[in-house]
Amino acid sequence: MDAGEIQMVINTPLGKLSHYDEAAIRAAALRLNIPCLTTLSAAAAAVEAIHALQERATEVAALQEFHGA
C-alpha cells in the first residue's frame, strides 16, 4: 500500500487470529486514504458502482428532482 500500487482494499477477516492483521491493514488504508471494505456485500456493491461509472456518464441532479418537491 505504501508504494501507491493499491487503490482499494477488500479485507474480510475470519477468526480471532486475523484481528491483528485486520487492524494493521485497516490502519494503513486509513492513513493512505485508501477505501477499505470489510464485507463481501460491500465489495459487490463497490464493483457494481465502478462498473456503472465505467459504462455511462455521470449526471448531477438535485434531490428534489427525485422526490418531486
PDB file of N, CA and C in Angstrom:
ATOM      1  N   MET A   1       0.823  -1.189   0.000  1.00  0.00           N
ATOM      2  CA  MET A   1       0.000   0.000   0.000  1.00  0.00           C
ATOM      3  C   MET A   1       0.870   1.257   0.000  1.00  0.00           C
ATOM      4  N   ASP A   2       1.946   1.215   0.749  1.00  0.00           N
ATOM      5  CA  ASP A   2       2.811   2.388   0.832  1.00  0.00           C
ATOM      6  C   ASP A   2       3.407   2.773  -0.518  1.00  0.00           C
ATOM      7  N   ALA A   3       3.564   1.810  -1.422  1.00  0.00           N
ATOM      8  CA  ALA A   3       4.155   2.085  -2.729  1.00  0.00           C
ATOM      9  C   ALA A   3       3.157   2.754  -3.683  1.00  0.00           C
ATOM     10  N   GLY A   4       1.893   2.864  -3.277  1.00  0.00           N
ATOM     11  CA  GLY A   4       0.893   3.510  -4.113  1.00  0.00           C
ATOM     12  C   GLY A   4       0.311   2.613  -5.186  1.00  0.00           C
ATOM     13  N   GLU A   5       0.505   1.311  -5.070  1.00  0.00           N
ATOM     14  CA  GLU A   5       0.006   0.382  -6.086  1.00  0.00           C
ATOM     15  C   GLU A   5      -1.373  -0.177  -5.757  1.00  0.00           C
ATOM     16  N   ILE A   6      -1.868   0.090  -4.563  1.00  0.00           N
ATOM     17  CA  ILE A   6      -3.159  -0.421  -4.128  1.00  0.00           C
ATOM     18  C   ILE A   6      -4.170   0.722  -4.162  1.00  0.00           C
ATOM     19  N   GLN A   7      -5.321   0.500  -4.815  1.00  0.00           N
ATOM     20  CA  GLN A   7      -6.345   1.538  -4.914  1.00  0.00           C
ATOM     21  C   GLN A   7      -7.552   1.261  -4.033  1.00  0.00           C
ATOM     22  N   MET A   8      -7.747   0.006  -3.642  1.00  0.00           N
ATOM     23  CA  MET A   8      -8.865  -0.363  -2.781  1.00  0.00           C
ATOM     24  C   MET A   8      -8.508  -1.659  -2.067  1.00  0.00           C
ATOM     25  N   VAL A   9      -8.959  -1.768  -0.808  1.00  0.00           N
ATOM     26  CA  VAL A   9      -8.702  -2.964  -0.019  1.00  0.00           C
ATOM     27  C   VAL A   9     -10.025  -3.652   0.271  1.00  0.00           C
ATOM     28  N   ILE A  10     -10.079  -4.941   0.019  1.00  0.00           N
ATOM     29  CA  ILE A  10     -11.217  -5.762   0.416  1.00  0.00           C
ATOM     30  C   ILE A  10     -10.664  -6.760   1.424  1.00  0.00           C
ATOM     31  N   ASN A  11     -10.982  -6.539   2.694  1.00  0.00           N
ATOM     32  CA  ASN A  11     -10.424  -7.327   3.781  1.00  0.00           C
ATOM     33  C   ASN A  11     -11.566  -7.968   4.554  1.00  0.00           C
ATOM     34  N   THR A  12     -11.742  -9.257   4.390  1.00  0.00           N
ATOM     35  CA  THR A  12     -12.810  -9.968   5.087  1.00  0.00           C
ATOM     36  C   THR A  12     -12.180 -10.909   6.103  1.00  0.00           C
ATOM     37  N   PRO A  13     -11.924 -10.415   7.314  1.00  0.00           N
ATOM     38  CA  PRO A  13     -11.244 -11.217   8.329  1.00  0.00           C
ATOM     39  C   PRO A  13     -12.101 -12.388   8.796  1.00  0.00           C
ATOM     40  N   LEU A  14     -11.420 -13.453   9.191  1.00  0.00           N
ATOM     41  CA  LEU A  14     -12.101 -14.651   9.660  1.00  0.00           C
ATOM     42  C   LEU A  14     -11.378 -15.158  10.901  1.00  0.00           C
ATOM     43  N   GLY A  15     -12.051 -15.153  12.004  1.00  0.00           N
ATOM     44  CA  GLY A  15     -11.485 -15.700  13.225  1.00  0.00           C
ATOM     45  C   GLY A  15     -10.719 -14.676  14.045  1.00  0.00           C
ATOM     46  N   LYS A  16     -10.404 -15.074  15.272  1.00  0.00           N
ATOM     47  CA  LYS A  16      -9.740 -14.172  16.213  1.00  0.00           C
ATOM     48  C   LYS A  16      -8.300 -13.882  15.827  1.00  0.00           C
ATOM     49  N   LEU A  17      -7.620 -14.830  15.215  1.00  0.00           N
ATOM     50  CA  LEU A  17      -6.215 -14.625  14.874  1.00  0.00           C
ATOM     51  C   LEU A  17      -6.024 -13.547  13.820  1.00  0.00           C
ATOM     52  N   SER A  18      -7.020 -13.331  12.988  1.00  0.00           N
ATOM     53  CA  SER A  18      -6.898 -12.328  11.932  1.00  0.00           C
ATOM     54  C   SER A  18      -7.107 -10.909  12.456  1.00  0.00           C
ATOM     55  N   HIS A  19      -7.505 -10.767  13.721  1.00  0.00           N
ATOM     56  CA  HIS A  19      -7.797  -9.449  14.290  1.00  0.00           C
ATOM     57  C   HIS A  19      -6.597  -8.502  14.186  1.00  0.00           C
ATOM     58  N   TYR A  20      -5.415  -8.983  14.457  1.00  0.00           N
ATOM     59  CA  TYR A  20      -4.225  -8.124  14.431  1.00  0.00           C
ATOM     60  C   TYR A  20      -3.892  -7.683  13.003  1.00  0.00           C
ATOM     61  N   ASP A  21      -3.955  -8.613  12.061  1.00  0.00           N
ATOM     62  CA  ASP A  21      -3.720  -8.253  10.659  1.00  0.00           C
ATOM     63  C   ASP A  21      -4.781  -7.286  10.169  1.00  0.00           C
ATOM     64  N   GLU A  22      -6.022  -7.549  10.547  1.00  0.00           N
ATOM     65  CA  GLU A  22      -7.126  -6.694  10.123  1.00  0.00           C
ATOM     66  C   GLU A  22      -6.912  -5.263  10.600  1.00  0.00           C
ATOM     67  N   ALA A  23      -6.521  -5.098  11.841  1.00  0.00           N
ATOM     68  CA  ALA A  23      -6.309  -3.765  12.401  1.00  0.00           C
ATOM     69  C   ALA A  23      -5.173  -3.044  11.678  1.00  0.00           C
ATOM     70  N   ALA A  24      -4.104  -3.749  11.386  1.00  0.00           N
ATOM     71  CA  ALA A  24      -2.958  -3.137  10.700  1.00  0.00           C
ATOM     72  C   ALA A  24      -3.321  -2.748   9.270  1.00  0.00           C
ATOM     73  N   ILE A  25      -4.049  -3.604   8.588  1.00  0.00           N
ATOM     74  CA  ILE A  25      -4.462  -3.315   7.210  1.00  0.00           C
ATOM     75  C   ILE A  25      -5.396  -2.116   7.182  1.00  0.00           C
ATOM     76  N   ARG A  26      -6.366  -2.115   8.088  1.00  0.00           N
ATOM     77  CA  ARG A  26      -7.329  -1.011   8.137  1.00  0.00           C
ATOM     78  C   ARG A  26      -6.634   0.311   8.480  1.00  0.00           C
ATOM     79  N   ALA A  27      -5.701   0.277   9.422  1.00  0.00           N
ATOM     80  CA  ALA A  27      -4.976   1.493   9.807  1.00  0.00           C
ATOM     81  C   ALA A  27      -4.138   2.027   8.652  1.00  0.00           C
ATOM     82  N   ALA A  28      -3.477   1.139   7.928  1.00  0.00           N
ATOM     83  CA  ALA A  28      -2.664   1.572   6.786  1.00  0.00           C
ATOM     84  C   ALA A  28      -3.553   2.161   5.695  1.00  0.00           C
ATOM     85  N   ALA A  29      -4.680   1.528   5.431  1.00  0.00           N
ATOM     86  CA  ALA A  29      -5.599   2.045   4.411  1.00  0.00           C
ATOM     87  C   ALA A  29      -6.119   3.421   4.811  1.00  0.00           C
ATOM     88  N   LEU A  30      -6.464   3.587   6.064  1.00  0.00           N
ATOM     89  CA  LEU A  30      -6.955   4.874   6.539  1.00  0.00           C
ATOM     90  C   LEU A  30      -5.871   5.947   6.419  1.00  0.00           C
ATOM     91  N   ARG A  31      -4.660   5.607   6.827  1.00  0.00           N
ATOM     92  CA  ARG A  31      -3.541   6.557   6.774  1.00  0.00           C
ATOM     93  C   ARG A  31      -3.257   7.007   5.342  1.00  0.00           C
ATOM     94  N   LEU A  32      -3.425   6.092   4.394  1.00  0.00           N
ATOM     95  CA  LEU A  32      -3.117   6.379   2.998  1.00  0.00           C
ATOM     96  C   LEU A  32      -4.344   6.813   2.190  1.00  0.00           C
ATOM     97  N   ASN A  33      -5.486   6.958   2.875  1.00  0.00           N
ATOM     98  CA  ASN A  33      -6.727   7.377   2.222  1.00  0.00           C
ATOM     99  C   ASN A  33      -7.161   6.403   1.122  1.00  0.00           C
ATOM    100  N   ILE A  34      -7.051   5.113   1.427  1.00  0.00           N
ATOM    101  CA  ILE A  34      -7.451   4.052   0.508  1.00  0.00           C
ATOM    102  C   ILE A  34      -8.757   3.453   1.030  1.00  0.00           C
ATOM    103  N   PRO A  35      -9.788   3.345   0.191  1.00  0.00           N
ATOM    104  CA  PRO A  35     -11.034   2.731   0.648  1.00  0.00           C
ATOM    105  C   PRO A  35     -10.792   1.300   1.135  1.00  0.00           C
ATOM    106  N   CYS A  36     -11.419   0.961   2.266  1.00  0.00           N
ATOM    107  CA  CYS A  36     -11.259  -0.368   2.849  1.00  0.00           C
ATOM    108  C   CYS A  36     -12.640  -0.959   3.108  1.00  0.00           C
ATOM    109  N   LEU A  37     -12.961  -2.026   2.424  1.00  0.00           N
ATOM    110  CA  LEU A  37     -14.255  -2.691   2.567  1.00  0.00           C
ATOM    111  C   LEU A  37     -14.054  -3.962   3.378  1.00  0.00           C
ATOM    112  N   THR A  38     -14.992  -4.251   4.284  1.00  0.00           N
ATOM    113  CA  THR A  38     -14.797  -5.387   5.183  1.00  0.00           C
ATOM    114  C   THR A  38     -15.874  -6.460   5.062  1.00  0.00           C
ATOM    115  N   THR A  39     -16.768  -6.323   4.089  1.00  0.00           N
ATOM    116  CA  THR A  39     -17.763  -7.365   3.856  1.00  0.00           C
ATOM    117  C   THR A  39     -17.843  -7.655   2.359  1.00  0.00           C
ATOM    118  N   LEU A  40     -18.258  -8.860   2.042  1.00  0.00           N
ATOM    119  CA  LEU A  40     -18.399  -9.217   0.635  1.00  0.00           C
ATOM    120  C   LEU A  40     -19.548  -8.459  -0.015  1.00  0.00           C
ATOM    121  N   SER A  41     -20.593  -8.142   0.748  1.00  0.00           N
ATOM    122  CA  SER A  41     -21.699  -7.371   0.164  1.00  0.00           C
ATOM    123  C   SER A  41     -21.249  -5.953  -0.179  1.00  0.00           C
ATOM    124  N   ALA A  42     -20.398  -5.353   0.651  1.00  0.00           N
ATOM    125  CA  ALA A  42     -19.864  -4.023   0.336  1.00  0.00           C
ATOM    126  C   ALA A  42     -18.965  -4.098  -0.894  1.00  0.00           C
ATOM    127  N   ALA A  43     -18.170  -5.147  -0.997  1.00  0.00           N
ATOM    128  CA  ALA A  43     -17.297  -5.318  -2.158  1.00  0.00           C
ATOM    129  C   ALA A  43     -18.123  -5.479  -3.430  1.00  0.00           C
ATOM    130  N   ALA A  44     -19.196  -6.268  -3.357  1.00  0.00           N
ATOM    131  CA  ALA A  44     -20.057  -6.468  -4.522  1.00  0.00           C
ATOM    132  C   ALA A  44     -20.716  -5.154  -4.941  1.00  0.00           C
ATOM    133  N   ALA A  45     -21.168  -4.360  -3.966  1.00  0.00           N
ATOM    134  CA  ALA A  45     -21.774  -3.064  -4.277  1.00  0.00           C
ATOM    135  C   ALA A  45     -20.748  -2.128  -4.912  1.00  0.00           C
ATOM    136  N   ALA A  46     -19.526  -2.157  -4.425  1.00  0.00           N
ATOM    137  CA  ALA A  46     -18.472  -1.308  -4.999  1.00  0.00           C
ATOM    138  C   ALA A  46     -18.169  -1.714  -6.436  1.00  0.00           C
ATOM    139  N   VAL A  47     -18.122  -3.006  -6.692  1.00  0.00           N
ATOM    140  CA  VAL A  47     -17.867  -3.489  -8.055  1.00  0.00           C
ATOM    141  C   VAL A  47     -18.986  -3.037  -8.985  1.00  0.00           C
ATOM    142  N   GLU A  48     -20.231  -3.145  -8.530  1.00  0.00           N
ATOM    143  CA  GLU A  48     -21.359  -2.689  -9.346  1.00  0.00           C
ATOM    144  C   GLU A  48     -21.267  -1.196  -9.628  1.00  0.00           C
ATOM    145  N   ALA A  49     -20.929  -0.410  -8.617  1.00  0.00           N
ATOM    146  CA  ALA A  49     -20.831   1.039  -8.789  1.00  0.00           C
ATOM    147  C   ALA A  49     -19.702   1.405  -9.755  1.00  0.00           C
ATOM    148  N   ILE A  50     -18.567   0.766  -9.616  1.00  0.00           N
ATOM    149  CA  ILE A  50     -17.438   1.032 -10.509  1.00  0.00           C
ATOM    150  C   ILE A  50     -17.808   0.678 -11.945  1.00  0.00           C
ATOM    151  N   HIS A  51     -18.458  -0.461 -12.109  1.00  0.00           N
ATOM    152  CA  HIS A  51     -18.881  -0.881 -13.447  1.00  0.00           C
ATOM    153  C   HIS A  51     -19.873   0.126 -14.038  1.00  0.00           C
ATOM    154  N   ALA A  52     -20.830   0.577 -13.229  1.00  0.00           N
ATOM    155  CA  ALA A  52     -21.817   1.547 -13.714  1.00  0.00           C
ATOM    156  C   ALA A  52     -21.149   2.849 -14.126  1.00  0.00           C
ATOM    157  N   LEU A  53     -20.167   3.299 -13.347  1.00  0.00           N
ATOM    158  CA  LEU A  53     -19.459   4.536 -13.696  1.00  0.00           C
ATOM    159  C   LEU A  53     -18.674   4.394 -14.998  1.00  0.00           C
ATOM    160  N   GLN A  54     -18.157   3.209 -15.244  1.00  0.00           N
ATOM    161  CA  GLN A  54     -17.397   2.979 -16.473  1.00  0.00           C
ATOM    162  C   GLN A  54     -18.305   2.882 -17.687  1.00  0.00           C
ATOM    163  N   GLU A  55     -19.527   2.426 -17.498  1.00  0.00           N
ATOM    164  CA  GLU A  55     -20.447   2.203 -18.605  1.00  0.00           C
ATOM    165  C   GLU A  55     -21.205   3.447 -19.045  1.00  0.00           C
ATOM    166  N   ARG A  56     -21.402   4.392 -18.153  1.00  0.00           N
ATOM    167  CA  ARG A  56     -22.187   5.569 -18.529  1.00  0.00           C
ATOM    168  C   ARG A  56     -21.626   6.819 -17.853  1.00  0.00           C
ATOM    169  N   ALA A  57     -21.944   7.942 -18.449  1.00  0.00           N
ATOM    170  CA  ALA A  57     -21.513   9.223 -17.900  1.00  0.00           C
ATOM    171  C   ALA A  57     -22.332   9.535 -16.652  1.00  0.00           C
ATOM    172  N   THR A  58     -21.721  10.194 -15.716  1.00  0.00           N
ATOM    173  CA  THR A  58     -22.439  10.575 -14.508  1.00  0.00           C
ATOM    174  C   THR A  58     -23.206  11.866 -14.757  1.00  0.00           C
ATOM    175  N   GLU A  59     -24.302  12.008 -14.045  1.00  0.00           N
ATOM    176  CA  GLU A  59     -25.127  13.197 -14.152  1.00  0.00           C
ATOM    177  C   GLU A  59     -25.361  13.768 -12.759  1.00  0.00           C
ATOM    178  N   VAL A  60     -25.514  15.057 -12.697  1.00  0.00           N
ATOM    179  CA  VAL A  60     -25.806  15.717 -11.433  1.00  0.00           C
ATOM    180  C   VAL A  60     -27.272  16.104 -11.442  1.00  0.00           C
ATOM    181  N   ALA A  61     -27.955  15.809 -10.330  1.00  0.00           N
ATOM    182  CA  ALA A  61     -29.362  16.166 -10.215  1.00  0.00           C
ATOM    183  C   ALA A  61     -29.652  16.546  -8.766  1.00  0.00           C
ATOM    184  N   ALA A  62     -30.577  17.479  -8.585  1.00  0.00           N
ATOM    185  CA  ALA A  62     -30.993  17.881  -7.244  1.00  0.00           C
ATOM    186  C   ALA A  62     -31.859  16.790  -6.632  1.00  0.00           C
ATOM    187  N   LEU A  63     -31.791  16.630  -5.323  1.00  0.00           N
ATOM    188  CA  LEU A  63     -32.615  15.634  -4.648  1.00  0.00           C
ATOM    189  C   LEU A  63     -34.094  15.898  -4.874  1.00  0.00           C
ATOM    190  N   GLN A  64     -34.470  17.152  -5.023  1.00  0.00           N
ATOM    191  CA  GLN A  64     -35.872  17.496  -5.239  1.00  0.00           C
ATOM    192  C   GLN A  64     -36.401  16.860  -6.525  1.00  0.00           C
ATOM    193  N   GLU A  65     -35.537  16.650  -7.517  1.00  0.00           N
ATOM    194  CA  GLU A  65     -35.965  16.023  -8.760  1.00  0.00           C
ATOM    195  C   GLU A  65     -36.391  14.579  -8.544  1.00  0.00           C
ATOM    196  N   PHE A  66     -35.781  13.916  -7.576  1.00  0.00           N
ATOM    197  CA  PHE A  66     -36.124  12.520  -7.301  1.00  0.00           C
ATOM    198  C   PHE A  66     -37.355  12.396  -6.415  1.00  0.00           C
ATOM    199  N   HIS A  67     -37.603  13.405  -5.609  1.00  0.00           N
ATOM    200  CA  HIS A  67     -38.706  13.332  -4.633  1.00  0.00           C
ATOM    201  C   HIS A  67     -39.888  14.222  -4.985  1.00  0.00           C
ATOM    202  N   GLY A  68     -39.824  14.907  -6.116  1.00  0.00           N
ATOM    203  CA  GLY A  68     -40.945  15.712  -6.563  1.00  0.00           C
ATOM    204  C   GLY A  68     -41.270  16.902  -5.685  1.00  0.00           C
ATOM    205  N   ALA A  69     -40.288  17.413  -4.985  1.00  0.00           N
ATOM    206  CA  ALA A  69     -40.545  18.565  -4.093  1.00  0.00           C
ATOM    207  C   ALA A  69     -40.364  19.879  -4.821  1.00  0.00           C
TER     208      ALA A  69
END
